[in-house]
């Protein structure tokens, strides 16, 4: 598998101080790009499990495969945005007490494929009549191209304080909600492995007939003959 991952980020922060308040605010815009090429089992996968001779090597030498698997290659060009904004106020309530009040909001847009090669089987609208929906076939908005709903509730409040007990003791504490962002590790995390842009074939043997009969040990898929 070959993967080309690129992130482009624009970030800006600022601080505004007035009286007892020190306000910090800023934003971060990340443009994510994931180009993934996965050959999968395009060359074929032959398996020999000793079903016929009780020896896997002997089955291999005879060309009697117990199973044959084949998949189309996958190539994806995923694009997304991860946008974040924050605001925090360090409020010096008294000479001994400081409060830290803040909130961060992030929205991670669902990944779209540049060429709309995703698809999904709709089995919930009409369970008796499932249908295959192609990305972008019912609209060019992000929902119909990414094929799942984005999460809009990523508010992350933060609360902290610092209290000076005496000249030698300072008490600090804080809490908040933090969310992590994980980029896709491969094409299997998205709807790229569905028809019509991707599919696979599996041939299994019977007790008396191998799935594929090879004239001689080879990795050339053209010489493989499925048993009728």
Protein backbone atom coordinates (compact mmCIF):
# COMPACT_ATOMS: atom_id res chain seq x y z
CA UNK A 1 0.00 0.00 0.00
CA UNK A 2 1.28 3.45 -0.90
CA UNK A 3 0.04 6.46 1.02
CA UNK A 4 0.63 10.17 0.46
CA UNK A 5 -0.67 12.17 3.43
CA UNK A 6 -0.43 15.96 3.52
CA UNK A 7 -1.74 18.55 5.97
CA UNK A 8 -1.81 22.28 5.40
CA UNK A 9 -2.47 24.40 8.47
CA UNK A 10 -3.27 28.05 9.13
CA UNK A 11 -3.18 29.08 12.81
CA UNK A 12 -3.47 32.45 14.55
CA UNK A 13 -3.58 33.43 18.25
CA UNK A 14 -4.04 36.76 20.00
CA UNK A 15 -4.20 38.13 23.55
CA UNK A 16 -6.23 41.10 24.75
CA UNK A 17 -5.64 42.46 28.26
CA UNK A 18 -7.95 44.89 30.00
CA UNK A 19 -8.27 45.50 33.73
CA UNK A 20 -8.58 42.18 35.57
CA UNK A 21 -9.08 40.19 32.37
CA UNK A 22 -6.55 38.62 30.04
CA UNK A 23 -8.44 37.17 27.08
CA UNK A 24 -6.82 34.75 24.66
CA UNK A 25 -8.46 33.66 21.43
CA UNK A 26 -7.49 32.06 18.17
CA UNK A 27 -8.22 29.60 15.41
CA UNK A 28 -6.68 26.68 13.59
CA UNK A 29 -7.63 25.54 10.08
CA UNK A 30 -6.26 22.23 8.82
CA UNK A 31 -6.76 20.95 5.28
CA UNK A 32 -6.17 17.19 5.22
CA UNK A 33 -5.30 15.22 2.11
CA UNK A 34 -4.96 11.43 2.03
CA UNK A 35 -4.09 9.73 -1.23
CA UNK A 36 -4.01 5.95 -0.76
CA UNK A 37 -3.22 3.25 -3.31
CA UNK A 38 -3.87 -0.30 -2.12
CA UNK A 39 -3.20 -3.19 -4.49
CA UNK A 40 -4.96 -5.67 -2.12
CA UNK A 41 -5.26 -9.13 -3.72
CA UNK A 42 -5.12 -8.00 -7.33
CA UNK A 43 -2.62 -10.78 -8.13
CA UNK A 44 -4.77 -13.43 -6.47
CA UNK A 45 -4.39 -15.45 -3.30
CA UNK A 46 -4.19 -19.25 -3.59
CA UNK A 47 -4.59 -21.38 -0.50
CA UNK A 48 -3.71 -25.03 0.02
CA UNK A 49 -4.97 -26.60 3.24
CA UNK A 50 -4.11 -30.29 2.70
CA UNK A 51 -7.73 -31.10 1.94
CA UNK A 52 -7.00 -33.65 -0.78
CA UNK A 53 -3.65 -35.26 0.06
CA UNK A 54 -3.51 -34.42 3.77
CA UNK A 55 -0.37 -32.42 3.00
CA UNK A 56 -0.50 -28.76 2.00
CA UNK A 57 2.77 -28.93 0.06
CA UNK A 58 1.50 -31.93 -1.91
CA UNK A 59 -1.74 -30.12 -2.75
CA UNK A 60 0.37 -27.20 -3.93
CA UNK A 61 2.55 -29.38 -6.17
CA UNK A 62 -0.56 -30.92 -7.69
CA UNK A 63 -2.10 -27.49 -8.18
CA UNK A 64 -5.21 -28.29 -6.19
CA UNK A 65 -6.11 -25.05 -4.41
CA UNK A 66 -8.65 -25.24 -1.61
CA UNK A 67 -9.53 -21.56 -1.98
CA UNK A 68 -8.86 -18.67 -4.33
CA UNK A 69 -9.37 -14.99 -3.45
CA UNK A 70 -9.16 -11.96 -5.71
CA UNK A 71 -9.92 -8.26 -5.15
CA UNK A 72 -9.83 -5.15 -7.24
CA UNK A 73 -7.28 -2.53 -6.33
CA UNK A 74 -8.35 0.53 -4.34
CA UNK A 75 -7.28 4.09 -4.98
CA UNK A 76 -8.68 6.94 -2.92
CA UNK A 77 -8.10 10.69 -2.84
CA UNK A 78 -9.66 11.81 0.45
CA UNK A 79 -10.11 15.46 1.41
CA UNK A 80 -11.33 17.03 4.66
CA UNK A 81 -11.19 20.08 6.93
CA UNK A 82 -10.48 20.19 10.67
CA UNK A 83 -11.35 23.65 12.02
CA UNK A 84 -10.95 24.75 15.62
CA UNK A 85 -11.61 27.96 17.57
CA UNK A 86 -10.91 28.81 21.20
CA UNK A 87 -11.56 31.58 23.74
CA UNK A 88 -10.14 31.79 27.25
CA UNK A 89 -10.34 34.46 29.94
CA UNK A 90 -7.84 34.55 32.82
CA UNK A 91 -9.82 36.62 35.30
CA UNK A 92 -8.02 37.96 38.34
CA UNK A 93 -11.00 38.13 40.68
CA UNK A 94 -8.97 39.20 43.73
CA UNK A 95 -5.25 39.54 44.40
CA UNK A 96 -5.38 35.96 45.73
CA UNK A 97 -7.83 34.29 43.32
CA UNK A 98 -7.60 33.85 39.56
CA UNK A 99 -10.17 32.00 37.48
CA UNK A 100 -9.46 30.43 34.08
CA UNK A 101 -12.63 30.22 31.98
CA UNK A 102 -12.50 28.96 28.45
CA UNK A 103 -14.07 26.95 25.66
CA UNK A 104 -12.86 25.36 22.46
CA UNK A 105 -14.96 24.28 19.51
CA UNK A 106 -13.85 21.97 16.73
CA UNK A 107 -15.61 20.63 13.66
CA UNK A 108 -14.07 17.82 11.62
CA UNK A 109 -15.75 17.54 8.25
CA UNK A 110 -16.28 14.00 6.91
CA UNK A 111 -13.75 12.92 4.31
CA UNK A 112 -14.87 13.12 0.69
CA UNK A 113 -13.31 11.29 -2.19
CA UNK A 114 -12.12 13.60 -4.94
CA UNK A 115 -13.75 11.42 -7.60
CA UNK A 116 -16.81 10.31 -5.59
CA UNK A 117 -15.87 6.61 -5.56
CA UNK A 118 -17.63 5.78 -2.30
CA UNK A 119 -20.93 3.93 -2.08
CA UNK A 120 -23.17 2.31 0.51
CA UNK A 121 -26.08 -0.12 0.65
CA UNK A 122 -29.18 1.59 2.01
CA UNK A 123 -30.94 -1.05 4.11
CA UNK A 124 -32.78 1.22 6.55
CA UNK A 125 -35.02 3.36 4.29
CA UNK A 126 -36.83 0.31 2.91
CA UNK A 127 -35.41 -2.90 4.45
CA UNK A 128 -37.38 -5.05 2.01
CA UNK A 129 -35.81 -3.29 -0.98
CA UNK A 130 -32.17 -2.36 -0.22
CA UNK A 131 -30.43 -0.23 -2.80
CA UNK A 132 -26.91 0.85 -3.63
CA UNK A 133 -26.30 4.60 -3.31
CA UNK A 134 -23.34 6.24 -5.01
CA UNK A 135 -21.52 9.21 -3.52
CA UNK A 136 -22.89 12.42 -4.98
CA UNK A 137 -25.77 10.71 -6.76
CA UNK A 138 -28.38 12.41 -4.58
CA UNK A 139 -26.65 15.76 -4.12
CA UNK A 140 -23.25 17.39 -4.25
CA UNK A 141 -23.30 18.54 -0.63
CA UNK A 142 -20.83 17.03 1.84
CA UNK A 143 -23.37 14.67 3.40
CA UNK A 144 -24.22 13.03 0.08
CA UNK A 145 -20.56 12.88 -0.99
CA UNK A 146 -19.10 11.66 2.33
CA UNK A 147 -22.21 9.58 3.09
CA UNK A 148 -22.33 10.16 6.82
CA UNK A 149 -23.34 13.01 9.10
CA UNK A 150 -20.72 15.25 10.66
CA UNK A 151 -20.55 15.76 14.41
CA UNK A 152 -21.42 19.35 15.32
CA UNK A 153 -21.35 19.02 19.12
CA UNK A 154 -17.61 19.27 19.78
CA UNK A 155 -17.73 21.98 22.45
CA UNK A 156 -14.91 21.57 24.97
CA UNK A 157 -15.25 23.77 28.08
CA UNK A 158 -12.29 24.35 30.41
CA UNK A 159 -12.36 25.57 33.99
CA UNK A 160 -9.46 26.25 36.33
CA UNK A 161 -8.39 28.38 39.24
CA UNK A 162 -5.32 29.47 41.18
CA UNK A 163 -5.64 30.47 44.84
CA UNK A 164 -2.86 31.89 46.96
CA UNK A 165 -3.15 30.54 50.50
CA UNK A 166 -0.09 32.37 51.82
CA UNK A 167 3.33 33.55 50.71
CA UNK A 168 4.58 29.97 50.36
CA UNK A 169 1.53 28.04 49.18
CA UNK A 170 -0.39 28.28 45.91
CA UNK A 171 -3.24 25.92 45.01
CA UNK A 172 -4.03 25.21 41.37
CA UNK A 173 -6.65 22.99 39.80
CA UNK A 174 -8.51 22.63 36.55
CA UNK A 175 -10.66 20.40 34.40
CA UNK A 176 -11.99 20.28 30.90
CA UNK A 177 -13.17 18.19 27.98
CA UNK A 178 -10.61 17.32 25.32
CA UNK A 179 -11.14 15.51 22.03
CA UNK A 180 -8.54 13.84 19.85
CA UNK A 181 -8.31 13.93 16.08
CA UNK A 182 -7.19 10.77 14.28
CA UNK A 183 -6.53 10.72 10.56
CA UNK A 184 -7.52 7.67 8.54
CA UNK A 185 -4.88 4.95 8.52
CA UNK A 186 -6.16 3.32 5.34
CA UNK A 187 -8.98 2.98 2.89
CA UNK A 188 -10.93 0.43 4.98
CA UNK A 189 -12.15 3.14 7.37
CA UNK A 190 -14.36 4.59 4.67
CA UNK A 191 -16.89 3.34 2.16
CA UNK A 192 -14.31 2.63 -0.54
CA UNK A 193 -14.60 -1.16 -0.61
CA UNK A 194 -18.14 -1.31 -1.98
CA UNK A 195 -19.53 -1.79 -5.47
CA UNK A 196 -19.15 -0.71 -8.19
CA UNK A 197 -15.64 0.71 -7.73
CA UNK A 198 -14.37 -2.20 -5.64
CA UNK A 199 -15.33 -5.83 -5.30
CA UNK A 200 -13.84 -9.22 -4.59
CA UNK A 201 -14.24 -12.83 -5.66
CA UNK A 202 -13.85 -15.92 -3.48
CA UNK A 203 -13.86 -19.46 -4.91
CA UNK A 204 -14.08 -22.29 -2.39
CA UNK A 205 -13.48 -25.97 -2.94
CA UNK A 206 -15.79 -28.93 -2.41
CA UNK A 207 -14.75 -32.24 -0.83
CA UNK A 208 -14.03 -33.63 -4.31
CA UNK A 209 -13.17 -30.63 -6.49
CA UNK A 210 -10.57 -27.93 -5.83
CA UNK A 211 -11.54 -24.26 -6.10
CA UNK A 212 -8.86 -23.68 -8.74
CA UNK A 213 -6.85 -26.26 -10.67
CA UNK A 214 -3.33 -25.14 -11.58
CA UNK A 215 -1.57 -27.07 -14.35
CA UNK A 216 1.68 -26.61 -12.44
CA UNK A 217 2.86 -24.50 -9.45
CA UNK A 218 2.72 -20.90 -10.63
CA UNK A 219 1.81 -17.37 -9.61
CA UNK A 220 0.51 -16.51 -13.09
CA UNK A 221 -3.23 -15.92 -12.70
CA UNK A 222 -3.78 -16.47 -16.46
CA UNK A 223 -2.98 -20.15 -16.10
CA UNK A 224 -5.43 -20.72 -13.26
CA UNK A 225 -8.50 -22.68 -14.28
CA UNK A 226 -11.57 -22.58 -12.01
CA UNK A 227 -13.16 -25.98 -11.70
CA UNK A 228 -16.62 -26.16 -13.25
